[in-house]
PDB file of N, CA and C in Angstrom:
ATOM      1  N   MET A   1      -0.027  26.814   8.109  1.00  0.00           N
ATOM      2  CA  MET A   1      -0.559  26.668   6.771  1.00  0.00           C
ATOM      3  C   MET A   1       0.295  25.708   5.952  1.00  0.00           C
ATOM      4  N   THR A   2       1.612  25.786   6.134  1.00  0.00           N
ATOM      5  CA  THR A   2       2.513  24.901   5.395  1.00  0.00           C
ATOM      6  C   THR A   2       2.259  23.456   5.772  1.00  0.00           C
ATOM      7  N   LYS A   3       2.008  23.211   7.080  1.00  0.00           N
ATOM      8  CA  LYS A   3       1.733  21.849   7.538  1.00  0.00           C
ATOM      9  C   LYS A   3       0.462  21.316   6.884  1.00  0.00           C
ATOM     10  N   CYS A   4      -0.563  22.156   6.799  1.00  0.00           N
ATOM     11  CA  CYS A   4      -1.823  21.756   6.166  1.00  0.00           C
ATOM     12  C   CYS A   4      -1.610  21.434   4.694  1.00  0.00           C
ATOM     13  N   ASN A   5      -0.861  22.275   3.997  1.00  0.00           N
ATOM     14  CA  ASN A   5      -0.571  22.025   2.589  1.00  0.00           C
ATOM     15  C   ASN A   5       0.217  20.739   2.412  1.00  0.00           C
ATOM     16  N   SER A   6       1.149  20.493   3.311  1.00  0.00           N
ATOM     17  CA  SER A   6       1.944  19.271   3.265  1.00  0.00           C
ATOM     18  C   SER A   6       1.057  18.048   3.466  1.00  0.00           C
ATOM     19  N   GLN A   7       0.122  18.144   4.411  1.00  0.00           N
ATOM     20  CA  GLN A   7      -0.786  17.031   4.671  1.00  0.00           C
ATOM     21  C   GLN A   7      -1.714  16.786   3.482  1.00  0.00           C
ATOM     22  N   ILE A   8      -2.197  17.842   2.897  1.00  0.00           N
ATOM     23  CA  ILE A   8      -3.085  17.696   1.734  1.00  0.00           C
ATOM     24  C   ILE A   8      -2.307  17.058   0.583  1.00  0.00           C
ATOM     25  N   THR A   9      -1.076  17.505   0.377  1.00  0.00           N
ATOM     26  CA  THR A   9      -0.240  16.914  -0.665  1.00  0.00           C
ATOM     27  C   THR A   9      -0.014  15.439  -0.402  1.00  0.00           C
ATOM     28  N   THR A  10       0.275  15.087   0.863  1.00  0.00           N
ATOM     29  CA  THR A  10       0.479  13.683   1.237  1.00  0.00           C
ATOM     30  C   THR A  10      -0.766  12.861   0.939  1.00  0.00           C
ATOM     31  N   LEU A  11      -1.942  13.383   1.303  1.00  0.00           N
ATOM     32  CA  LEU A  11      -3.187  12.660   1.047  1.00  0.00           C
ATOM     33  C   LEU A  11      -3.391  12.435  -0.449  1.00  0.00           C
ATOM     34  N   PHE A  12      -3.170  13.461  -1.262  1.00  0.00           N
ATOM     35  CA  PHE A  12      -3.361  13.315  -2.706  1.00  0.00           C
ATOM     36  C   PHE A  12      -2.377  12.318  -3.302  1.00  0.00           C
ATOM     37  N   ILE A  13      -1.154  12.323  -2.815  1.00  0.00           N
ATOM     38  CA  ILE A  13      -0.169  11.353  -3.303  1.00  0.00           C
ATOM     39  C   ILE A  13      -0.607   9.939  -2.960  1.00  0.00           C
ATOM     40  N   ILE A  14      -1.055   9.737  -1.728  1.00  0.00           N
ATOM     41  CA  ILE A  14      -1.506   8.408  -1.307  1.00  0.00           C
ATOM     42  C   ILE A  14      -2.730   7.977  -2.105  1.00  0.00           C
ATOM     43  N   LEU A  15      -3.671   8.895  -2.274  1.00  0.00           N
ATOM     44  CA  LEU A  15      -4.862   8.562  -3.064  1.00  0.00           C
ATOM     45  C   LEU A  15      -4.492   8.246  -4.508  1.00  0.00           C
ATOM     46  N   ALA A  16      -3.588   9.014  -5.082  1.00  0.00           N
ATOM     47  CA  ALA A  16      -3.178   8.770  -6.461  1.00  0.00           C
ATOM     48  C   ALA A  16      -2.487   7.425  -6.595  1.00  0.00           C
ATOM     49  N   LEU A  17      -1.602   7.117  -5.644  1.00  0.00           N
ATOM     50  CA  LEU A  17      -0.940   5.808  -5.664  1.00  0.00           C
ATOM     51  C   LEU A  17      -1.959   4.681  -5.539  1.00  0.00           C
ATOM     52  N   ALA A  18      -2.885   4.846  -4.627  1.00  0.00           N
ATOM     53  CA  ALA A  18      -3.895   3.808  -4.414  1.00  0.00           C
ATOM     54  C   ALA A  18      -4.734   3.603  -5.673  1.00  0.00           C
ATOM     55  N   CYS A  19      -5.179   4.683  -6.271  1.00  0.00           N
ATOM     56  CA  CYS A  19      -6.019   4.569  -7.470  1.00  0.00           C
ATOM     57  C   CYS A  19      -5.230   4.043  -8.667  1.00  0.00           C
ATOM     58  N   ALA A  20      -3.975   4.396  -8.773  1.00  0.00           N
ATOM     59  CA  ALA A  20      -3.162   3.952  -9.903  1.00  0.00           C
ATOM     60  C   ALA A  20      -2.860   2.469  -9.834  1.00  0.00           C
ATOM     61  N   VAL A  21      -2.762   1.940  -8.646  1.00  0.00           N
ATOM     62  CA  VAL A  21      -2.378   0.541  -8.477  1.00  0.00           C
ATOM     63  C   VAL A  21      -3.585  -0.388  -8.544  1.00  0.00           C
ATOM     64  N   VAL A  22      -4.770   0.103  -8.233  1.00  0.00           N
ATOM     65  CA  VAL A  22      -5.955  -0.754  -8.176  1.00  0.00           C
ATOM     66  C   VAL A  22      -6.183  -1.581  -9.432  1.00  0.00           C
ATOM     67  N   PRO A  23      -6.106  -1.033 -10.636  1.00  0.00           N
ATOM     68  CA  PRO A  23      -6.374  -1.854 -11.817  1.00  0.00           C
ATOM     69  C   PRO A  23      -5.374  -2.988 -12.018  1.00  0.00           C
ATOM     70  N   ALA A  24      -4.200  -2.892 -11.430  1.00  0.00           N
ATOM     71  CA  ALA A  24      -3.175  -3.911 -11.629  1.00  0.00           C
ATOM     72  C   ALA A  24      -3.404  -5.158 -10.784  1.00  0.00           C
ATOM     73  N   PHE A  25      -4.308  -5.095  -9.844  1.00  0.00           N
ATOM     74  CA  PHE A  25      -4.557  -6.230  -8.964  1.00  0.00           C
ATOM     75  C   PHE A  25      -5.986  -6.706  -9.119  1.00  0.00           C
ATOM     76  N   SER A  26      -6.270  -7.864  -8.527  1.00  0.00           N
ATOM     77  CA  SER A  26      -7.597  -8.433  -8.708  1.00  0.00           C
ATOM     78  C   SER A  26      -8.487  -8.224  -7.495  1.00  0.00           C
ATOM     79  N   ILE A  27      -9.087  -9.268  -7.000  1.00  0.00           N
ATOM     80  CA  ILE A  27     -10.158  -9.190  -6.026  1.00  0.00           C
ATOM     81  C   ILE A  27      -9.783  -8.451  -4.748  1.00  0.00           C
ATOM     82  N   GLU A  28      -8.659  -8.789  -4.126  1.00  0.00           N
ATOM     83  CA  GLU A  28      -8.329  -8.141  -2.865  1.00  0.00           C
ATOM     84  C   GLU A  28      -8.255  -6.626  -3.025  1.00  0.00           C
ATOM     85  N   GLU A  29      -7.625  -6.173  -4.088  1.00  0.00           N
ATOM     86  CA  GLU A  29      -7.487  -4.745  -4.306  1.00  0.00           C
ATOM     87  C   GLU A  29      -8.840  -4.086  -4.571  1.00  0.00           C
ATOM     88  N   SER A  30      -9.702  -4.736  -5.322  1.00  0.00           N
ATOM     89  CA  SER A  30     -11.001  -4.128  -5.589  1.00  0.00           C
ATOM     90  C   SER A  30     -11.842  -4.070  -4.322  1.00  0.00           C
ATOM     91  N   GLU A  31     -11.710  -5.076  -3.463  1.00  0.00           N
ATOM     92  CA  GLU A  31     -12.421  -5.037  -2.183  1.00  0.00           C
ATOM     93  C   GLU A  31     -11.883  -3.912  -1.312  1.00  0.00           C
ATOM     94  N   ALA A  32     -10.573  -3.766  -1.267  1.00  0.00           N
ATOM     95  CA  ALA A  32      -9.974  -2.684  -0.483  1.00  0.00           C
ATOM     96  C   ALA A  32     -10.390  -1.329  -1.036  1.00  0.00           C
ATOM     97  N   LYS A  33     -10.414  -1.194  -2.349  1.00  0.00           N
ATOM     98  CA  LYS A  33     -10.830   0.058  -2.981  1.00  0.00           C
ATOM     99  C   LYS A  33     -12.280   0.373  -2.639  1.00  0.00           C
ATOM    100  N   SER A  34     -13.127  -0.643  -2.621  1.00  0.00           N
ATOM    101  CA  SER A  34     -14.525  -0.449  -2.259  1.00  0.00           C
ATOM    102  C   SER A  34     -14.648   0.021  -0.809  1.00  0.00           C
ATOM    103  N   LEU A  35     -13.894  -0.613   0.078  1.00  0.00           N
ATOM    104  CA  LEU A  35     -13.910  -0.177   1.477  1.00  0.00           C
ATOM    105  C   LEU A  35     -13.376   1.245   1.599  1.00  0.00           C
ATOM    106  N   TRP A  36     -12.335   1.559   0.845  1.00  0.00           N
ATOM    107  CA  TRP A  36     -11.780   2.911   0.843  1.00  0.00           C
ATOM    108  C   TRP A  36     -12.873   3.912   0.485  1.00  0.00           C
ATOM    109  N   ASP A  37     -13.587   3.633  -0.622  1.00  0.00           N
ATOM    110  CA  ASP A  37     -14.640   4.542  -1.073  1.00  0.00           C
ATOM    111  C   ASP A  37     -15.772   4.647  -0.062  1.00  0.00           C
ATOM    112  N   THR A  38     -16.065   3.553   0.621  1.00  0.00           N
ATOM    113  CA  THR A  38     -17.140   3.533   1.607  1.00  0.00           C
ATOM    114  C   THR A  38     -16.723   4.202   2.908  1.00  0.00           C
ATOM    115  N   CYS A  39     -15.523   3.934   3.358  1.00  0.00           N
ATOM    116  CA  CYS A  39     -15.093   4.388   4.680  1.00  0.00           C
ATOM    117  C   CYS A  39     -14.681   5.854   4.721  1.00  0.00           C
ATOM    118  N   VAL A  40     -13.990   6.327   3.719  1.00  0.00           N
ATOM    119  CA  VAL A  40     -13.471   7.690   3.760  1.00  0.00           C
ATOM    120  C   VAL A  40     -14.603   8.711   3.821  1.00  0.00           C
ATOM    121  N   VAL A  41     -15.766   8.404   3.292  1.00  0.00           N
ATOM    122  CA  VAL A  41     -16.874   9.351   3.332  1.00  0.00           C
ATOM    123  C   VAL A  41     -17.485   9.476   4.724  1.00  0.00           C
ATOM    124  N   LYS A  42     -17.121   8.596   5.643  1.00  0.00           N
ATOM    125  CA  LYS A  42     -17.661   8.634   6.995  1.00  0.00           C
ATOM    126  C   LYS A  42     -16.911   9.600   7.907  1.00  0.00           C
ATOM    127  N   ILE A  43     -15.853  10.198   7.415  1.00  0.00           N
ATOM    128  CA  ILE A  43     -14.965  10.978   8.270  1.00  0.00           C
ATOM    129  C   ILE A  43     -14.529  12.237   7.515  1.00  0.00           C
ATOM    130  N   THR A  44     -14.325  13.320   8.238  1.00  0.00           N
ATOM    131  CA  THR A  44     -13.968  14.581   7.583  1.00  0.00           C
ATOM    132  C   THR A  44     -12.582  14.491   6.946  1.00  0.00           C
ATOM    133  N   PRO A  45     -12.369  15.234   5.868  1.00  0.00           N
ATOM    134  CA  PRO A  45     -11.043  15.225   5.222  1.00  0.00           C
ATOM    135  C   PRO A  45      -9.912  15.602   6.175  1.00  0.00           C
ATOM    136  N   LYS A  46     -10.159  16.560   7.074  1.00  0.00           N
ATOM    137  CA  LYS A  46      -9.126  16.949   8.028  1.00  0.00           C
ATOM    138  C   LYS A  46      -8.745  15.765   8.910  1.00  0.00           C
ATOM    139  N   CYS A  47      -9.725  15.008   9.375  1.00  0.00           N
ATOM    140  CA  CYS A  47      -9.428  13.868  10.236  1.00  0.00           C
ATOM    141  C   CYS A  47      -8.737  12.747   9.452  1.00  0.00           C
ATOM    142  N   VAL A  48      -9.103  12.571   8.200  1.00  0.00           N
ATOM    143  CA  VAL A  48      -8.400  11.590   7.362  1.00  0.00           C
ATOM    144  C   VAL A  48      -6.920  11.959   7.291  1.00  0.00           C
ATOM    145  N   LEU A  49      -6.651  13.227   7.035  1.00  0.00           N
ATOM    146  CA  LEU A  49      -5.265  13.699   6.972  1.00  0.00           C
ATOM    147  C   LEU A  49      -4.552  13.498   8.308  1.00  0.00           C
ATOM    148  N   ASP A  50      -5.256  13.805   9.396  1.00  0.00           N
ATOM    149  CA  ASP A  50      -4.657  13.645  10.723  1.00  0.00           C
ATOM    150  C   ASP A  50      -4.336  12.187  11.024  1.00  0.00           C
ATOM    151  N   ILE A  51      -5.248  11.284  10.682  1.00  0.00           N
ATOM    152  CA  ILE A  51      -5.037   9.850  10.911  1.00  0.00           C
ATOM    153  C   ILE A  51      -3.838   9.356  10.103  1.00  0.00           C
ATOM    154  N   ILE A  52      -3.775   9.752   8.840  1.00  0.00           N
ATOM    155  CA  ILE A  52      -2.648   9.360   7.996  1.00  0.00           C
ATOM    156  C   ILE A  52      -1.342   9.911   8.569  1.00  0.00           C
ATOM    157  N   ALA A  53      -1.383  11.158   9.038  1.00  0.00           N
ATOM    158  CA  ALA A  53      -0.177  11.775   9.596  1.00  0.00           C
ATOM    159  C   ALA A  53       0.268  11.078  10.882  1.00  0.00           C
ATOM    160  N   VAL A  54      -0.677  10.638  11.697  1.00  0.00           N
ATOM    161  CA  VAL A  54      -0.323   9.931  12.933  1.00  0.00           C
ATOM    162  C   VAL A  54       0.352   8.608  12.604  1.00  0.00           C
ATOM    163  N   VAL A  55      -0.205   7.869  11.661  1.00  0.00           N
ATOM    164  CA  VAL A  55       0.304   6.533  11.357  1.00  0.00           C
ATOM    165  C   VAL A  55       1.576   6.577  10.516  1.00  0.00           C
ATOM    166  N   PHE A  56       1.615   7.439   9.515  1.00  0.00           N
ATOM    167  CA  PHE A  56       2.729   7.423   8.571  1.00  0.00           C
ATOM    168  C   PHE A  56       3.771   8.508   8.830  1.00  0.00           C
ATOM    169  N   GLU A  57       3.488   9.393   9.751  1.00  0.00           N
ATOM    170  CA  GLU A  57       4.450  10.401  10.170  1.00  0.00           C
ATOM    171  C   GLU A  57       4.494  10.325  11.696  1.00  0.00           C
ATOM    172  N   ASN A  58       4.738  11.417  12.369  1.00  0.00           N
ATOM    173  CA  ASN A  58       4.744  11.424  13.831  1.00  0.00           C
ATOM    174  C   ASN A  58       3.886  12.559  14.351  1.00  0.00           C
ATOM    175  N   ALA A  59       2.660  12.629  13.888  1.00  0.00           N
ATOM    176  CA  ALA A  59       1.754  13.708  14.267  1.00  0.00           C
ATOM    177  C   ALA A  59       0.902  13.287  15.457  1.00  0.00           C
ATOM    178  N   THR A  60       0.049  14.196  15.873  1.00  0.00           N
ATOM    179  CA  THR A  60      -0.916  13.898  16.936  1.00  0.00           C
ATOM    180  C   THR A  60      -2.316  14.065  16.359  1.00  0.00           C
ATOM    181  N   ILE A  61      -3.289  13.582  17.119  1.00  0.00           N
ATOM    182  CA  ILE A  61      -4.674  13.641  16.654  1.00  0.00           C
ATOM    183  C   ILE A  61      -5.541  14.273  17.737  1.00  0.00           C
ATOM    184  N   SER A  62      -6.535  15.027  17.319  1.00  0.00           N
ATOM    185  CA  SER A  62      -7.447  15.678  18.270  1.00  0.00           C
ATOM    186  C   SER A  62      -8.472  14.672  18.782  1.00  0.00           C
ATOM    187  N   ASP A  63      -9.053  15.003  19.917  1.00  0.00           N
ATOM    188  CA  ASP A  63     -10.100  14.150  20.481  1.00  0.00           C
ATOM    189  C   ASP A  63     -11.294  14.046  19.525  1.00  0.00           C
ATOM    190  N   SER A  64     -11.627  15.149  18.851  1.00  0.00           N
ATOM    191  CA  SER A  64     -12.777  15.109  17.936  1.00  0.00           C
ATOM    192  C   SER A  64     -12.519  14.154  16.772  1.00  0.00           C
ATOM    193  N   CYS A  65     -11.284  14.118  16.266  1.00  0.00           N
ATOM    194  CA  CYS A  65     -10.964  13.171  15.196  1.00  0.00           C
ATOM    195  C   CYS A  65     -10.965  11.740  15.726  1.00  0.00           C
ATOM    196  N   CYS A  66     -10.565  11.562  16.963  1.00  0.00           N
ATOM    197  CA  CYS A  66     -10.643  10.227  17.569  1.00  0.00           C
ATOM    198  C   CYS A  66     -12.094   9.735  17.593  1.00  0.00           C
ATOM    199  N   HIS A  67     -13.003  10.631  17.957  1.00  0.00           N
ATOM    200  CA  HIS A  67     -14.422  10.253  17.968  1.00  0.00           C
ATOM    201  C   HIS A  67     -14.891   9.858  16.569  1.00  0.00           C
ATOM    202  N   GLU A  68     -14.481  10.619  15.567  1.00  0.00           N
ATOM    203  CA  GLU A  68     -14.850  10.281  14.180  1.00  0.00           C
ATOM    204  C   GLU A  68     -14.262   8.933  13.776  1.00  0.00           C
ATOM    205  N   LEU A  69     -13.018   8.692  14.161  1.00  0.00           N
ATOM    206  CA  LEU A  69     -12.368   7.427  13.821  1.00  0.00           C
ATOM    207  C   LEU A  69     -13.123   6.251  14.418  1.00  0.00           C
ATOM    208  N   VAL A  70     -13.515   6.362  15.673  1.00  0.00           N
ATOM    209  CA  VAL A  70     -14.244   5.267  16.332  1.00  0.00           C
ATOM    210  C   VAL A  70     -15.607   5.070  15.671  1.00  0.00           C
ATOM    211  N   GLN A  71     -16.263   6.167  15.292  1.00  0.00           N
ATOM    212  CA  GLN A  71     -17.542   6.054  14.585  1.00  0.00           C
ATOM    213  C   GLN A  71     -17.361   5.423  13.211  1.00  0.00           C
ATOM    214  N   GLU A  72     -16.235   5.681  12.576  1.00  0.00           N
ATOM    215  CA  GLU A  72     -15.931   5.073  11.272  1.00  0.00           C
ATOM    216  C   GLU A  72     -15.885   3.559  11.416  1.00  0.00           C
ATOM    217  N   GLY A  73     -15.290   3.078  12.501  1.00  0.00           N
ATOM    218  CA  GLY A  73     -15.241   1.649  12.782  1.00  0.00           C
ATOM    219  C   GLY A  73     -13.860   1.043  12.578  1.00  0.00           C
ATOM    220  N   LYS A  74     -13.592  -0.012  13.330  1.00  0.00           N
ATOM    221  CA  LYS A  74     -12.288  -0.660  13.302  1.00  0.00           C
ATOM    222  C   LYS A  74     -12.000  -1.319  11.951  1.00  0.00           C
ATOM    223  N   VAL A  75     -12.996  -1.940  11.341  1.00  0.00           N
ATOM    224  CA  VAL A  75     -12.775  -2.594  10.051  1.00  0.00           C
ATOM    225  C   VAL A  75     -12.320  -1.569   9.018  1.00  0.00           C
ATOM    226  N   CYS A  76     -12.983  -0.436   8.972  1.00  0.00           N
ATOM    227  CA  CYS A  76     -12.573   0.614   8.029  1.00  0.00           C
ATOM    228  C   CYS A  76     -11.165   1.094   8.340  1.00  0.00           C
ATOM    229  N   HIS A  77     -10.913   1.392   9.604  1.00  0.00           N
ATOM    230  CA  HIS A  77      -9.594   1.903   9.991  1.00  0.00           C
ATOM    231  C   HIS A  77      -8.492   0.900   9.647  1.00  0.00           C
ATOM    232  N   ASP A  78      -8.679  -0.336  10.065  1.00  0.00           N
ATOM    233  CA  ASP A  78      -7.666  -1.365   9.814  1.00  0.00           C
ATOM    234  C   ASP A  78      -7.430  -1.576   8.323  1.00  0.00           C
ATOM    235  N   THR A  79      -8.498  -1.671   7.578  1.00  0.00           N
ATOM    236  CA  THR A  79      -8.391  -1.957   6.147  1.00  0.00           C
ATOM    237  C   THR A  79      -7.728  -0.817   5.392  1.00  0.00           C
ATOM    238  N   LEU A  80      -8.109   0.413   5.708  1.00  0.00           N
ATOM    239  CA  LEU A  80      -7.549   1.550   4.986  1.00  0.00           C
ATOM    240  C   LEU A  80      -6.068   1.728   5.274  1.00  0.00           C
ATOM    241  N   ILE A  81      -5.682   1.580   6.534  1.00  0.00           N
ATOM    242  CA  ILE A  81      -4.259   1.738   6.859  1.00  0.00           C
ATOM    243  C   ILE A  81      -3.454   0.595   6.246  1.00  0.00           C
ATOM    244  N   LYS A  82      -3.971  -0.614   6.295  1.00  0.00           N
ATOM    245  CA  LYS A  82      -3.288  -1.762   5.689  1.00  0.00           C
ATOM    246  C   LYS A  82      -3.159  -1.548   4.179  1.00  0.00           C
ATOM    247  N   TYR A  83      -4.206  -1.052   3.576  1.00  0.00           N
ATOM    248  CA  TYR A  83      -4.220  -0.782   2.141  1.00  0.00           C
ATOM    249  C   TYR A  83      -3.116   0.201   1.762  1.00  0.00           C
ATOM    250  N   ILE A  84      -2.969   1.273   2.543  1.00  0.00           N
ATOM    251  CA  ILE A  84      -1.924   2.258   2.265  1.00  0.00           C
ATOM    252  C   ILE A  84      -0.553   1.655   2.559  1.00  0.00           C
ATOM    253  N   ALA A  85      -0.424   0.967   3.690  1.00  0.00           N
ATOM    254  CA  ALA A  85       0.868   0.410   4.111  1.00  0.00           C
ATOM    255  C   ALA A  85       1.385  -0.662   3.152  1.00  0.00           C
ATOM    256  N   ASP A  86       0.496  -1.265   2.380  1.00  0.00           N
ATOM    257  CA  ASP A  86       0.896  -2.303   1.420  1.00  0.00           C
ATOM    258  C   ASP A  86       1.505  -1.738   0.138  1.00  0.00           C
ATOM    259  N   ARG A  87       1.523  -0.423  -0.023  1.00  0.00           N
ATOM    260  CA  ARG A  87       2.118   0.178  -1.216  1.00  0.00           C
ATOM    261  C   ARG A  87       3.608  -0.183  -1.254  1.00  0.00           C
ATOM    262  N   PRO A  88       4.142  -0.427  -2.432  1.00  0.00           N
ATOM    263  CA  PRO A  88       5.546  -0.837  -2.560  1.00  0.00           C
ATOM    264  C   PRO A  88       6.536   0.103  -1.863  1.00  0.00           C
ATOM    265  N   THR A  89       6.259   1.383  -1.874  1.00  0.00           N
ATOM    266  CA  THR A  89       7.188   2.333  -1.252  1.00  0.00           C
ATOM    267  C   THR A  89       7.106   2.324   0.277  1.00  0.00           C
ATOM    268  N   LEU A  90       6.064   1.717   0.827  1.00  0.00           N
ATOM    269  CA  LEU A  90       5.870   1.720   2.276  1.00  0.00           C
ATOM    270  C   LEU A  90       5.998   0.338   2.915  1.00  0.00           C
ATOM    271  N   ILE A  91       5.956  -0.715   2.111  1.00  0.00           N
ATOM    272  CA  ILE A  91       5.868  -2.083   2.611  1.00  0.00           C
ATOM    273  C   ILE A  91       7.013  -2.452   3.560  1.00  0.00           C
ATOM    274  N   ALA A  92       8.178  -1.877   3.384  1.00  0.00           N
ATOM    275  CA  ALA A  92       9.325  -2.214   4.237  1.00  0.00           C
ATOM    276  C   ALA A  92       9.071  -1.858   5.697  1.00  0.00           C
ATOM    277  N   GLN A  93       8.222  -0.865   5.933  1.00  0.00           N
ATOM    278  CA  GLN A  93       7.925  -0.450   7.299  1.00  0.00           C
ATOM    279  C   GLN A  93       6.489  -0.784   7.701  1.00  0.00           C
ATOM    280  N   GLU A  94       5.891  -1.729   7.001  1.00  0.00           N
ATOM    281  CA  GLU A  94       4.485  -2.060   7.245  1.00  0.00           C
ATOM    282  C   GLU A  94       4.226  -2.445   8.697  1.00  0.00           C
ATOM    283  N   THR A  95       5.076  -3.246   9.301  1.00  0.00           N
ATOM    284  CA  THR A  95       4.878  -3.680  10.685  1.00  0.00           C
ATOM    285  C   THR A  95       4.803  -2.480  11.622  1.00  0.00           C
ATOM    286  N   GLN A  96       5.683  -1.528  11.402  1.00  0.00           N
ATOM    287  CA  GLN A  96       5.680  -0.307  12.217  1.00  0.00           C
ATOM    288  C   GLN A  96       4.365   0.462  12.030  1.00  0.00           C
ATOM    289  N   TYR A  97       3.922   0.593  10.795  1.00  0.00           N
ATOM    290  CA  TYR A  97       2.681   1.325  10.519  1.00  0.00           C
ATOM    291  C   TYR A  97       1.470   0.611  11.125  1.00  0.00           C
ATOM    292  N   LEU A  98       1.435  -0.703  11.049  1.00  0.00           N
ATOM    293  CA  LEU A  98       0.296  -1.442  11.603  1.00  0.00           C
ATOM    294  C   LEU A  98       0.271  -1.339  13.126  1.00  0.00           C
ATOM    295  N   LYS A  99       1.433  -1.283  13.760  1.00  0.00           N
ATOM    296  CA  LYS A  99       1.483  -1.093  15.211  1.00  0.00           C
ATOM    297  C   LYS A  99       0.967   0.302  15.553  1.00  0.00           C
ATOM    298  N   LYS A 100       1.399   1.304  14.810  1.00  0.00           N
ATOM    299  CA  LYS A 100       0.923   2.667  15.044  1.00  0.00           C
ATOM    300  C   LYS A 100      -0.582   2.759  14.802  1.00  0.00           C
ATOM    301  N   ARG A 101      -1.078   2.027  13.808  1.00  0.00           N
ATOM    302  CA  ARG A 101      -2.518   1.972  13.533  1.00  0.00           C
ATOM    303  C   ARG A 101      -3.259   1.447  14.756  1.00  0.00           C
ATOM    304  N   ASP A 102      -2.767   0.332  15.305  1.00  0.00           N
ATOM    305  CA  ASP A 102      -3.424  -0.282  16.463  1.00  0.00           C
ATOM    306  C   ASP A 102      -3.324   0.605  17.705  1.00  0.00           C
ATOM    307  N   ASP A 103      -2.175   1.230  17.900  1.00  0.00           N
ATOM    308  CA  ASP A 103      -2.005   2.151  19.031  1.00  0.00           C
ATOM    309  C   ASP A 103      -2.970   3.322  18.917  1.00  0.00           C
ATOM    310  N   LEU A 104      -3.112   3.859  17.713  1.00  0.00           N
ATOM    311  CA  LEU A 104      -4.041   4.967  17.489  1.00  0.00           C
ATOM    312  C   LEU A 104      -5.470   4.527  17.783  1.00  0.00           C
ATOM    313  N   TRP A 105      -5.858   3.363  17.292  1.00  0.00           N
ATOM    314  CA  TRP A 105      -7.216   2.865  17.537  1.00  0.00           C
ATOM    315  C   TRP A 105      -7.476   2.737  19.042  1.00  0.00           C
ATOM    316  N   ASN A 106      -6.552   2.119  19.755  1.00  0.00           N
ATOM    317  CA  ASN A 106      -6.733   1.923  21.203  1.00  0.00           C
ATOM    318  C   ASN A 106      -6.830   3.254  21.938  1.00  0.00           C
ATOM    319  N   ARG A 107      -5.999   4.208  21.544  1.00  0.00           N
ATOM    320  CA  ARG A 107      -6.055   5.534  22.166  1.00  0.00           C
ATOM    321  C   ARG A 107      -7.406   6.192  21.898  1.00  0.00           C
ATOM    322  N   CYS A 108      -7.865   6.123  20.665  1.00  0.00           N
ATOM    323  CA  CYS A 108      -9.133   6.762  20.304  1.00  0.00           C
ATOM    324  C   CYS A 108     -10.324   6.098  20.995  1.00  0.00           C
ATOM    325  N   VAL A 109     -10.288   4.793  21.114  1.00  0.00           N
ATOM    326  CA  VAL A 109     -11.376   4.098  21.818  1.00  0.00           C
ATOM    327  C   VAL A 109     -11.399   4.544  23.273  1.00  0.00           C
ATOM    328  N   SER A 110     -10.229   4.631  23.897  1.00  0.00           N
ATOM    329  CA  SER A 110     -10.194   5.047  25.309  1.00  0.00           C
ATOM    330  C   SER A 110     -10.697   6.480  25.467  1.00  0.00           C
ATOM    331  N   ILE A 111     -10.383   7.357  24.525  1.00  0.00           N
ATOM    332  CA  ILE A 111     -10.881   8.745  24.574  1.00  0.00           C
ATOM    333  C   ILE A 111     -12.391   8.761  24.373  1.00  0.00           C
ATOM    334  N   SER A 112     -12.890   7.969  23.451  1.00  0.00           N
ATOM    335  CA  SER A 112     -14.319   7.962  23.135  1.00  0.00           C
ATOM    336  C   SER A 112     -15.164   7.389  24.274  1.00  0.00           C
ATOM    337  N   THR A 113     -14.620   6.426  24.991  1.00  0.00           N
ATOM    338  CA  THR A 113     -15.398   5.814  26.071  1.00  0.00           C
ATOM    339  C   THR A 113     -15.386   6.644  27.350  1.00  0.00           C
ATOM    340  N   THR A 114     -14.410   7.545  27.480  1.00  0.00           N
ATOM    341  CA  THR A 114     -14.365   8.388  28.674  1.00  0.00           C
ATOM    342  C   THR A 114     -15.090   9.705  28.468  1.00  0.00           C
ATOM    343  N   ALA A 115     -15.431  10.011  27.250  1.00  0.00           N
ATOM    344  CA  ALA A 115     -16.098  11.298  26.979  1.00  0.00           C
ATOM    345  C   ALA A 115     -17.596  11.202  27.152  1.00  0.00           C
TER     346      ALA A 115
END
C-alpha cells in the first residue's frame, strides 16, 4: 500500500510540475501538453504510474501494462517521457531516462508480439 501511495504521490508531483510549467513556454510545450492530455487517457492510471516508475525509478512493469503501452503508441510514449524528463529537476539525467524509455518500449513490443 505504501508503494502505491508513493507512486500516486510521484504521479501528482509530475503532473503538477508539468501543468505549472506549461504556461511559461510557447509552442513546443503546448504541443507536448496536448499530447499529454490525449495520450494519458489511452492507458489506465495504474499503468501510467508503472511506466513512470520503470523509467524514473527502478520498478518493473506487468505484461498487461506493456500491452496498454504498445496500444498507446510509440509517439505518445516517447513524447510523454521526454516531456517529463525535460523538467529542470530531471534534465541532468535525461539521457539515462530516454534510454530506459527506449528499453521499456522494446521490451513491451517484444511481449506484445509474442502474446
